[in-house]
């Protein structure tokens, strides 16, 4: 995972806790998860469009 060891992950978690507080972290992680989901869906849609376009060109 990006070359991060356990120590770095713990340090990042502590910094996030200090910056955002314990109440905001679940909201933050939820927002990040939704953003990643939207990005993946966008890439999936682009891939589907390219595939259908290529199939039309072959016919």
C-alpha atoms as a PDB file:
ATOM      1  CA  UNK A   1       0.000   0.000   0.000  1.00  0.00           C
ATOM      2  CA  UNK A   2       2.126   2.844  -1.363  1.00  0.00           C
ATOM      3  CA  UNK A   3       5.137   1.643   0.600  1.00  0.00           C
ATOM      4  CA  UNK A   4       3.663   2.736   3.913  1.00  0.00           C
ATOM      5  CA  UNK A   5       4.643   0.671   6.907  1.00  0.00           C
ATOM      6  CA  UNK A   6       2.702   0.279  10.135  1.00  0.00           C
ATOM      7  CA  UNK A   7       4.546   3.163  11.764  1.00  0.00           C
ATOM      8  CA  UNK A   8       3.680   5.594   8.962  1.00  0.00           C
ATOM      9  CA  UNK A   9       0.032   4.526   8.984  1.00  0.00           C
ATOM     10  CA  UNK A  10      -0.197   5.086  12.740  1.00  0.00           C
ATOM     11  CA  UNK A  11       1.401   8.522  12.390  1.00  0.00           C
ATOM     12  CA  UNK A  12      -1.011   9.469   9.587  1.00  0.00           C
ATOM     13  CA  UNK A  13      -3.977   8.259  11.648  1.00  0.00           C
ATOM     14  CA  UNK A  14      -2.822  10.339  14.628  1.00  0.00           C
ATOM     15  CA  UNK A  15      -2.415  13.438  12.457  1.00  0.00           C
ATOM     16  CA  UNK A  16      -5.898  12.947  10.971  1.00  0.00           C
ATOM     17  CA  UNK A  17      -7.333  12.533  14.452  1.00  0.00           C
ATOM     18  CA  UNK A  18      -5.694  15.762  15.596  1.00  0.00           C
ATOM     19  CA  UNK A  19      -6.741  17.719  12.510  1.00  0.00           C
ATOM     20  CA  UNK A  20     -10.322  16.564  12.133  1.00  0.00           C
ATOM     21  CA  UNK A  21     -11.339  15.206  15.521  1.00  0.00           C
ATOM     22  CA  UNK A  22     -12.976  11.884  16.242  1.00  0.00           C
ATOM     23  CA  UNK A  23     -16.438  12.993  15.075  1.00  0.00           C
ATOM     24  CA  UNK A  24     -15.358  14.143  11.608  1.00  0.00           C
ATOM     25  CA  UNK A  25     -13.219  11.135  10.651  1.00  0.00           C
ATOM     26  CA  UNK A  26     -16.170   8.804   9.819  1.00  0.00           C
ATOM     27  CA  UNK A  27     -17.655  11.535   7.614  1.00  0.00           C
ATOM     28  CA  UNK A  28     -14.287  12.091   5.955  1.00  0.00           C
ATOM     29  CA  UNK A  29     -13.716   8.402   5.228  1.00  0.00           C
ATOM     30  CA  UNK A  30     -17.273   8.055   3.924  1.00  0.00           C
ATOM     31  CA  UNK A  31     -16.735  10.996   1.574  1.00  0.00           C
ATOM     32  CA  UNK A  32     -13.444   9.562   0.345  1.00  0.00           C
ATOM     33  CA  UNK A  33     -15.112   6.196  -0.266  1.00  0.00           C
ATOM     34  CA  UNK A  34     -17.920   7.815  -2.250  1.00  0.00           C
ATOM     35  CA  UNK A  35     -15.413   9.791  -4.316  1.00  0.00           C
ATOM     36  CA  UNK A  36     -13.452   6.635  -5.122  1.00  0.00           C
ATOM     37  CA  UNK A  37     -16.686   4.860  -6.076  1.00  0.00           C
ATOM     38  CA  UNK A  38     -17.649   7.696  -8.440  1.00  0.00           C
ATOM     39  CA  UNK A  39     -14.209   7.676 -10.041  1.00  0.00           C
ATOM     40  CA  UNK A  40     -14.343   3.899 -10.573  1.00  0.00           C
ATOM     41  CA  UNK A  41     -17.830   4.164 -12.060  1.00  0.00           C
ATOM     42  CA  UNK A  42     -16.598   6.893 -14.398  1.00  0.00           C
ATOM     43  CA  UNK A  43     -13.701   4.750 -15.592  1.00  0.00           C
ATOM     44  CA  UNK A  44     -16.067   1.811 -16.036  1.00  0.00           C
ATOM     45  CA  UNK A  45     -18.400   3.935 -18.166  1.00  0.00           C
ATOM     46  CA  UNK A  46     -15.502   5.141 -20.318  1.00  0.00           C
ATOM     47  CA  UNK A  47     -14.315   1.563 -20.776  1.00  0.00           C
ATOM     48  CA  UNK A  48     -17.814   0.429 -21.799  1.00  0.00           C
ATOM     49  CA  UNK A  49     -18.104   3.294 -24.284  1.00  0.00           C
ATOM     50  CA  UNK A  50     -14.732   2.495 -25.816  1.00  0.00           C
ATOM     51  CA  UNK A  51     -15.633  -1.180 -26.096  1.00  0.00           C
ATOM     52  CA  UNK A  52     -18.951  -0.488 -27.811  1.00  0.00           C
ATOM     53  CA  UNK A  53     -17.305   2.047 -30.137  1.00  0.00           C
ATOM     54  CA  UNK A  54     -14.639  -0.480 -31.112  1.00  0.00           C
ATOM     55  CA  UNK A  55     -17.300  -3.138 -31.730  1.00  0.00           C
ATOM     56  CA  UNK A  56     -19.230  -0.749 -33.995  1.00  0.00           C
ATOM     57  CA  UNK A  57     -16.080   0.076 -35.965  1.00  0.00           C
ATOM     58  CA  UNK A  58     -15.317  -3.614 -36.482  1.00  0.00           C
ATOM     59  CA  UNK A  59     -18.775  -4.270 -37.950  1.00  0.00           C
END
